[in-house]
């Protein structure tokens, strides 16, 4: 399978999860420093540690935005030119988050795909729930 797909059940309201995905400060706390804005067409970057063949900058653009259900961004860095989607569904227990990272073609993307697959799993299992458990500023709502 060439794509990454991860489904996580989060015991938090969908609006809280949406805010963690679309508020630049919250996104930085669990993912990476960024200049994200929840606006279709907005171009932004994530910054992380450089690695061989990768300068540490991920160039992105908001491609789809359907609050509080769906966010799709382009994800370009190093040899990759891919897409990441986040789909949120309310459940009786909280929110079902489905992450899909697609567009890994060719043998040159096998290692980046494996690294990102493990990275996304760790982020969605530990960092995102940790951010959701942290106290949020009053009135912090990115999409309203």
N, C-alpha and C. Protein backbone atom coordinates (compact mmCIF):
# COMPACT_ATOMS: atom_id res chain seq x y z
N UNK A 1 0.84 -1.19 0.00
CA UNK A 1 0.00 0.00 0.00
C UNK A 1 0.88 1.25 0.00
N UNK A 2 0.59 2.16 -0.88
CA UNK A 2 1.42 3.34 -1.02
C UNK A 2 0.98 4.50 -0.14
N UNK A 3 -0.26 4.51 0.31
CA UNK A 3 -0.77 5.62 1.11
C UNK A 3 -0.71 5.30 2.60
N UNK A 4 -0.70 6.35 3.39
CA UNK A 4 -0.79 6.22 4.85
C UNK A 4 -2.23 6.53 5.22
N UNK A 5 -2.86 5.65 5.99
CA UNK A 5 -4.19 5.92 6.51
C UNK A 5 -4.22 5.49 7.97
N UNK A 6 -4.58 6.43 8.83
CA UNK A 6 -4.62 6.16 10.26
C UNK A 6 -5.96 6.67 10.79
N UNK A 7 -6.65 5.81 11.53
CA UNK A 7 -7.92 6.19 12.15
C UNK A 7 -7.71 6.15 13.66
N UNK A 8 -8.08 7.23 14.33
CA UNK A 8 -7.95 7.32 15.79
C UNK A 8 -9.26 7.79 16.39
N UNK A 9 -9.63 7.15 17.48
CA UNK A 9 -10.78 7.60 18.28
C UNK A 9 -10.22 8.52 19.37
N UNK A 10 -10.72 9.74 19.41
CA UNK A 10 -10.27 10.72 20.39
C UNK A 10 -11.44 11.06 21.31
N UNK A 11 -11.21 11.03 22.60
CA UNK A 11 -12.28 11.29 23.58
C UNK A 11 -12.40 12.79 23.84
N UNK A 12 -12.54 13.53 22.74
CA UNK A 12 -12.68 14.98 22.80
C UNK A 12 -13.74 15.39 21.79
N UNK A 13 -14.44 16.50 22.05
CA UNK A 13 -15.45 16.97 21.08
C UNK A 13 -14.81 17.32 19.74
N UNK A 14 -15.58 17.15 18.69
CA UNK A 14 -15.08 17.42 17.34
C UNK A 14 -14.58 18.86 17.20
N UNK A 15 -15.27 19.83 17.79
CA UNK A 15 -14.82 21.23 17.69
C UNK A 15 -13.44 21.41 18.29
N UNK A 16 -13.15 20.72 19.38
CA UNK A 16 -11.82 20.81 20.00
C UNK A 16 -10.75 20.22 19.10
N UNK A 17 -11.06 19.08 18.49
CA UNK A 17 -10.10 18.45 17.57
C UNK A 17 -9.89 19.35 16.36
N UNK A 18 -10.97 19.91 15.82
CA UNK A 18 -10.87 20.81 14.68
C UNK A 18 -9.97 21.99 15.01
N UNK A 19 -10.14 22.57 16.18
CA UNK A 19 -9.31 23.71 16.58
C UNK A 19 -7.83 23.32 16.67
N UNK A 20 -7.55 22.10 17.14
CA UNK A 20 -6.16 21.64 17.23
C UNK A 20 -5.54 21.47 15.84
N UNK A 21 -6.38 21.26 14.83
CA UNK A 21 -5.91 21.11 13.45
C UNK A 21 -5.80 22.44 12.72
N UNK A 22 -6.57 23.45 13.15
CA UNK A 22 -6.67 24.67 12.35
C UNK A 22 -6.22 25.94 13.07
N UNK A 23 -5.82 25.86 14.31
CA UNK A 23 -5.27 27.00 15.02
C UNK A 23 -3.74 26.87 14.97
N UNK A 24 -3.08 27.87 14.42
CA UNK A 24 -1.64 27.79 14.19
C UNK A 24 -0.85 27.46 15.45
N UNK A 25 -1.20 28.07 16.57
CA UNK A 25 -0.46 27.83 17.82
C UNK A 25 -0.67 26.40 18.31
N UNK A 26 -1.91 25.91 18.25
CA UNK A 26 -2.17 24.53 18.66
C UNK A 26 -1.50 23.54 17.71
N UNK A 27 -1.55 23.81 16.43
CA UNK A 27 -0.91 22.95 15.43
C UNK A 27 0.59 22.88 15.68
N UNK A 28 1.18 24.03 16.03
CA UNK A 28 2.62 24.06 16.33
C UNK A 28 2.94 23.24 17.58
N UNK A 29 2.03 23.23 18.55
CA UNK A 29 2.27 22.52 19.80
C UNK A 29 2.31 21.01 19.61
N UNK A 30 1.52 20.47 18.68
CA UNK A 30 1.52 19.01 18.52
C UNK A 30 2.16 18.53 17.22
N UNK A 31 2.32 19.41 16.24
CA UNK A 31 2.90 18.97 14.96
C UNK A 31 4.23 19.68 14.69
N UNK A 32 4.20 20.91 14.20
CA UNK A 32 5.43 21.65 13.88
C UNK A 32 5.12 23.15 13.86
N UNK A 33 6.17 23.97 14.08
CA UNK A 33 5.99 25.41 13.89
C UNK A 33 5.50 25.69 12.47
N UNK A 34 4.62 26.70 12.34
CA UNK A 34 3.97 26.94 11.05
C UNK A 34 3.44 28.36 10.96
N UNK A 35 2.99 28.71 9.77
CA UNK A 35 2.28 29.97 9.57
C UNK A 35 0.93 29.69 8.90
N UNK A 36 0.26 28.67 9.39
CA UNK A 36 -1.03 28.20 8.88
C UNK A 36 -2.14 29.21 9.16
N UNK A 37 -3.05 29.34 8.21
CA UNK A 37 -4.32 30.04 8.41
C UNK A 37 -5.40 29.18 7.75
N UNK A 38 -6.55 29.03 8.39
CA UNK A 38 -7.61 28.20 7.82
C UNK A 38 -8.37 28.92 6.70
N UNK A 39 -7.70 29.06 5.55
CA UNK A 39 -8.29 29.73 4.38
C UNK A 39 -7.90 28.95 3.14
N UNK A 40 -8.88 28.57 2.33
CA UNK A 40 -8.57 27.85 1.09
C UNK A 40 -7.63 28.71 0.24
N UNK A 41 -6.58 28.07 -0.27
CA UNK A 41 -5.59 28.75 -1.09
C UNK A 41 -4.42 29.32 -0.30
N UNK A 42 -4.53 29.35 1.04
CA UNK A 42 -3.42 29.90 1.84
C UNK A 42 -2.21 28.98 1.72
N UNK A 43 -1.07 29.56 1.37
CA UNK A 43 0.20 28.82 1.30
C UNK A 43 0.95 29.06 2.60
N UNK A 44 1.48 27.99 3.16
CA UNK A 44 2.17 28.08 4.45
C UNK A 44 3.27 27.04 4.51
N UNK A 45 4.07 27.13 5.57
CA UNK A 45 5.14 26.16 5.74
C UNK A 45 5.11 25.57 7.15
N UNK A 46 5.59 24.35 7.24
CA UNK A 46 5.94 23.71 8.50
C UNK A 46 7.46 23.69 8.53
N UNK A 47 8.04 23.80 9.71
CA UNK A 47 9.50 23.76 9.85
C UNK A 47 9.88 22.67 10.85
N UNK A 48 10.88 21.88 10.46
CA UNK A 48 11.38 20.82 11.33
C UNK A 48 12.88 20.69 11.10
N UNK A 49 13.47 19.69 11.72
CA UNK A 49 14.92 19.48 11.58
C UNK A 49 15.25 19.00 10.17
N UNK A 50 16.29 19.59 9.57
CA UNK A 50 16.73 19.10 8.26
C UNK A 50 17.27 17.66 8.36
N UNK A 51 17.24 16.97 7.25
CA UNK A 51 17.76 15.61 7.15
C UNK A 51 18.39 15.48 5.76
N UNK A 52 19.18 14.44 5.50
CA UNK A 52 19.77 14.29 4.16
C UNK A 52 18.70 14.34 3.07
N UNK A 53 18.86 15.25 2.11
CA UNK A 53 17.91 15.39 1.02
C UNK A 53 16.66 16.19 1.37
N UNK A 54 16.65 16.81 2.56
CA UNK A 54 15.47 17.54 3.04
C UNK A 54 15.93 18.71 3.90
N UNK A 55 15.55 19.92 3.51
CA UNK A 55 16.02 21.12 4.21
C UNK A 55 15.23 21.47 5.47
N UNK A 56 14.23 20.65 5.81
CA UNK A 56 13.46 20.90 7.02
C UNK A 56 12.22 21.75 6.81
N UNK A 57 11.96 22.17 5.58
CA UNK A 57 10.79 22.99 5.28
C UNK A 57 9.79 22.17 4.47
N UNK A 58 8.54 22.17 4.93
CA UNK A 58 7.45 21.52 4.21
C UNK A 58 6.55 22.63 3.69
N UNK A 59 6.42 22.70 2.38
CA UNK A 59 5.60 23.72 1.74
C UNK A 59 4.19 23.17 1.55
N UNK A 60 3.21 23.93 2.01
CA UNK A 60 1.84 23.44 2.01
C UNK A 60 0.89 24.50 1.46
N UNK A 61 -0.29 24.04 1.10
CA UNK A 61 -1.38 24.92 0.70
C UNK A 61 -2.69 24.30 1.17
N UNK A 62 -3.60 25.13 1.66
CA UNK A 62 -4.92 24.64 2.07
C UNK A 62 -5.72 24.40 0.79
N UNK A 63 -6.08 23.14 0.55
CA UNK A 63 -6.80 22.75 -0.67
C UNK A 63 -8.29 22.63 -0.44
N UNK A 64 -8.69 22.10 0.72
CA UNK A 64 -10.10 21.95 1.07
C UNK A 64 -10.27 22.32 2.53
N UNK A 65 -11.42 22.91 2.84
CA UNK A 65 -11.71 23.32 4.21
C UNK A 65 -13.22 23.27 4.39
N UNK A 66 -13.68 22.31 5.19
CA UNK A 66 -15.11 22.16 5.49
C UNK A 66 -15.26 22.04 7.00
N UNK A 67 -15.27 23.18 7.72
CA UNK A 67 -15.34 23.15 9.19
C UNK A 67 -16.63 22.52 9.68
N UNK A 68 -16.60 21.74 10.72
CA UNK A 68 -15.44 21.17 11.39
C UNK A 68 -15.22 19.72 10.99
N UNK A 69 -15.32 19.43 9.70
CA UNK A 69 -15.31 18.04 9.24
C UNK A 69 -14.10 17.62 8.41
N UNK A 70 -13.56 18.54 7.58
CA UNK A 70 -12.52 18.10 6.63
C UNK A 70 -11.53 19.22 6.35
N UNK A 71 -10.26 18.84 6.38
CA UNK A 71 -9.15 19.72 6.01
C UNK A 71 -8.23 18.93 5.11
N UNK A 72 -7.88 19.50 3.96
CA UNK A 72 -6.94 18.86 3.04
C UNK A 72 -5.87 19.89 2.71
N UNK A 73 -4.60 19.47 2.82
CA UNK A 73 -3.48 20.33 2.50
C UNK A 73 -2.51 19.60 1.56
N UNK A 74 -1.82 20.39 0.74
CA UNK A 74 -0.70 19.80 -0.02
C UNK A 74 0.48 19.71 0.95
N UNK A 75 1.43 18.83 0.66
CA UNK A 75 2.57 18.57 1.54
C UNK A 75 3.78 18.30 0.66
N UNK A 76 4.62 19.34 0.47
CA UNK A 76 5.78 19.22 -0.42
C UNK A 76 7.05 19.55 0.34
N UNK A 77 7.97 18.59 0.33
CA UNK A 77 9.26 18.80 0.97
C UNK A 77 10.20 17.67 0.58
N UNK A 78 11.48 18.00 0.39
CA UNK A 78 12.40 16.97 -0.06
C UNK A 78 11.90 16.39 -1.37
N UNK A 79 11.85 15.05 -1.48
CA UNK A 79 11.41 14.43 -2.73
C UNK A 79 9.88 14.31 -2.84
N UNK A 80 9.16 14.74 -1.82
CA UNK A 80 7.72 14.49 -1.77
C UNK A 80 6.88 15.62 -2.35
N UNK A 81 5.83 15.23 -3.03
CA UNK A 81 4.77 16.14 -3.46
C UNK A 81 3.47 15.37 -3.22
N UNK A 82 2.94 15.52 -2.00
CA UNK A 82 1.84 14.67 -1.54
C UNK A 82 0.70 15.52 -1.00
N UNK A 83 -0.29 14.83 -0.43
CA UNK A 83 -1.47 15.47 0.15
C UNK A 83 -1.78 14.83 1.49
N UNK A 84 -2.25 15.66 2.42
CA UNK A 84 -2.70 15.15 3.73
C UNK A 84 -4.13 15.61 3.94
N UNK A 85 -5.00 14.66 4.31
CA UNK A 85 -6.38 15.02 4.64
C UNK A 85 -6.69 14.57 6.06
N UNK A 86 -7.48 15.38 6.72
CA UNK A 86 -7.98 15.09 8.06
C UNK A 86 -9.50 15.11 7.97
N UNK A 87 -10.13 14.00 8.30
CA UNK A 87 -11.59 13.92 8.32
C UNK A 87 -12.04 13.64 9.75
N UNK A 88 -13.00 14.43 10.24
CA UNK A 88 -13.49 14.30 11.60
C UNK A 88 -14.96 13.91 11.59
N UNK A 89 -15.31 12.92 12.40
CA UNK A 89 -16.69 12.49 12.54
C UNK A 89 -17.03 12.42 14.02
N UNK A 90 -18.17 13.01 14.39
CA UNK A 90 -18.62 12.93 15.78
C UNK A 90 -19.08 11.51 16.07
N UNK A 91 -18.75 11.04 17.25
CA UNK A 91 -19.22 9.74 17.72
C UNK A 91 -19.74 9.90 19.14
N UNK A 92 -20.35 8.87 19.66
CA UNK A 92 -20.85 8.93 21.04
C UNK A 92 -19.69 9.09 22.03
N UNK A 93 -18.51 8.60 21.66
CA UNK A 93 -17.33 8.65 22.55
C UNK A 93 -16.50 9.91 22.36
N UNK A 94 -16.74 10.67 21.28
CA UNK A 94 -15.93 11.86 21.01
C UNK A 94 -15.81 12.11 19.52
N UNK A 95 -14.61 11.88 18.97
CA UNK A 95 -14.35 12.17 17.56
C UNK A 95 -13.52 11.06 16.93
N UNK A 96 -13.95 10.62 15.75
CA UNK A 96 -13.14 9.71 14.95
C UNK A 96 -12.36 10.56 13.96
N UNK A 97 -11.04 10.51 14.05
CA UNK A 97 -10.15 11.25 13.16
C UNK A 97 -9.55 10.26 12.16
N UNK A 98 -9.70 10.56 10.88
CA UNK A 98 -9.07 9.76 9.84
C UNK A 98 -8.06 10.64 9.12
N UNK A 99 -6.80 10.25 9.18
CA UNK A 99 -5.74 10.94 8.47
C UNK A 99 -5.37 10.10 7.26
N UNK A 100 -5.28 10.74 6.11
CA UNK A 100 -4.79 10.08 4.91
C UNK A 100 -3.67 10.93 4.34
N UNK A 101 -2.51 10.32 4.14
CA UNK A 101 -1.37 11.00 3.51
C UNK A 101 -1.15 10.23 2.21
N UNK A 102 -1.44 10.86 1.09
CA UNK A 102 -1.46 10.17 -0.20
C UNK A 102 -0.47 10.79 -1.19
N UNK A 103 -0.17 10.02 -2.24
CA UNK A 103 0.67 10.52 -3.32
C UNK A 103 2.10 10.01 -3.31
N UNK A 104 2.35 8.95 -2.56
CA UNK A 104 3.70 8.37 -2.51
C UNK A 104 3.88 7.45 -3.71
N UNK A 105 4.46 7.98 -4.78
CA UNK A 105 4.71 7.16 -5.96
C UNK A 105 6.20 6.91 -6.10
N UNK A 106 6.54 5.79 -6.68
CA UNK A 106 7.94 5.51 -6.98
C UNK A 106 8.73 4.98 -5.80
N UNK A 107 9.82 4.29 -6.15
CA UNK A 107 10.68 3.67 -5.14
C UNK A 107 11.39 4.69 -4.27
N UNK A 108 11.66 5.89 -4.80
CA UNK A 108 12.39 6.90 -4.03
C UNK A 108 11.60 7.39 -2.82
N UNK A 109 10.31 7.13 -2.78
CA UNK A 109 9.47 7.60 -1.66
C UNK A 109 9.19 6.53 -0.61
N UNK A 110 9.79 5.35 -0.75
CA UNK A 110 9.53 4.28 0.22
C UNK A 110 10.01 4.69 1.62
N UNK A 111 11.22 5.16 1.75
CA UNK A 111 11.75 5.53 3.07
C UNK A 111 10.98 6.71 3.66
N UNK A 112 10.77 7.82 2.89
CA UNK A 112 9.97 8.91 3.47
C UNK A 112 8.57 8.46 3.90
N UNK A 113 7.96 7.56 3.12
CA UNK A 113 6.63 7.07 3.48
C UNK A 113 6.66 6.29 4.80
N UNK A 114 7.66 5.44 4.97
CA UNK A 114 7.78 4.68 6.22
C UNK A 114 8.03 5.62 7.40
N UNK A 115 8.93 6.57 7.23
CA UNK A 115 9.23 7.53 8.31
C UNK A 115 7.99 8.33 8.67
N UNK A 116 7.28 8.84 7.66
CA UNK A 116 6.08 9.62 7.93
C UNK A 116 4.98 8.76 8.55
N UNK A 117 4.87 7.52 8.12
CA UNK A 117 3.85 6.63 8.71
C UNK A 117 4.06 6.46 10.21
N UNK A 118 5.30 6.20 10.61
CA UNK A 118 5.60 6.07 12.04
C UNK A 118 5.42 7.41 12.75
N UNK A 119 5.83 8.49 12.09
CA UNK A 119 5.70 9.82 12.68
C UNK A 119 4.25 10.19 12.93
N UNK A 120 3.39 10.01 11.93
CA UNK A 120 1.97 10.32 12.09
C UNK A 120 1.36 9.49 13.21
N UNK A 121 1.70 8.20 13.28
CA UNK A 121 1.14 7.35 14.34
C UNK A 121 1.47 7.90 15.71
N UNK A 122 2.73 8.24 15.93
CA UNK A 122 3.14 8.79 17.22
C UNK A 122 2.46 10.10 17.53
N UNK A 123 2.37 10.98 16.54
CA UNK A 123 1.73 12.27 16.75
C UNK A 123 0.26 12.12 17.10
N UNK A 124 -0.44 11.22 16.42
CA UNK A 124 -1.88 11.06 16.65
C UNK A 124 -2.18 10.25 17.91
N UNK A 125 -1.23 9.42 18.35
CA UNK A 125 -1.43 8.64 19.57
C UNK A 125 -1.09 9.42 20.83
N UNK A 126 -0.06 10.29 20.76
CA UNK A 126 0.43 10.95 21.97
C UNK A 126 0.35 12.46 21.93
N UNK A 127 0.95 13.08 20.90
CA UNK A 127 1.07 14.54 20.88
C UNK A 127 -0.29 15.24 20.72
N UNK A 128 -1.12 14.78 19.78
CA UNK A 128 -2.41 15.43 19.59
C UNK A 128 -3.31 15.27 20.82
N UNK A 129 -3.46 14.06 21.38
CA UNK A 129 -4.27 13.95 22.61
C UNK A 129 -3.70 14.79 23.76
N UNK A 130 -2.37 14.89 23.84
CA UNK A 130 -1.77 15.73 24.87
C UNK A 130 -2.14 17.19 24.69
N UNK A 131 -2.12 17.64 23.44
CA UNK A 131 -2.52 19.03 23.15
C UNK A 131 -3.99 19.24 23.47
N UNK A 132 -4.82 18.26 23.15
CA UNK A 132 -6.26 18.38 23.41
C UNK A 132 -6.55 18.40 24.91
N UNK A 133 -5.69 17.76 25.70
CA UNK A 133 -5.87 17.73 27.16
C UNK A 133 -5.37 19.00 27.83
N UNK A 134 -4.54 19.77 27.13
CA UNK A 134 -3.96 20.99 27.71
C UNK A 134 -5.03 22.08 27.80
N UNK A 135 -4.94 22.94 28.82
CA UNK A 135 -5.90 24.06 28.90
C UNK A 135 -5.80 24.94 27.66
N UNK A 136 -6.95 25.33 27.12
CA UNK A 136 -6.99 26.17 25.92
C UNK A 136 -7.38 27.60 26.31
N UNK A 137 -6.85 28.58 25.59
CA UNK A 137 -7.23 29.96 25.86
C UNK A 137 -8.73 30.17 25.69
N UNK A 138 -9.31 31.02 26.51
CA UNK A 138 -10.74 31.29 26.41
C UNK A 138 -11.05 31.85 25.02
N UNK A 139 -12.12 31.31 24.41
CA UNK A 139 -12.55 31.79 23.11
C UNK A 139 -11.69 31.36 21.95
N UNK A 140 -10.80 30.40 22.14
CA UNK A 140 -9.91 29.95 21.06
C UNK A 140 -10.70 29.06 20.10
N UNK A 141 -11.23 29.63 19.05
CA UNK A 141 -11.94 28.90 18.03
C UNK A 141 -11.49 29.40 16.69
N UNK A 142 -10.84 28.53 15.92
CA UNK A 142 -10.23 28.96 14.66
C UNK A 142 -11.23 29.07 13.52
N UNK A 143 -12.37 28.40 13.59
CA UNK A 143 -13.21 28.30 12.40
C UNK A 143 -14.49 29.09 12.47
N UNK A 144 -14.80 29.70 13.55
CA UNK A 144 -16.08 30.42 13.61
C UNK A 144 -15.95 31.83 13.19
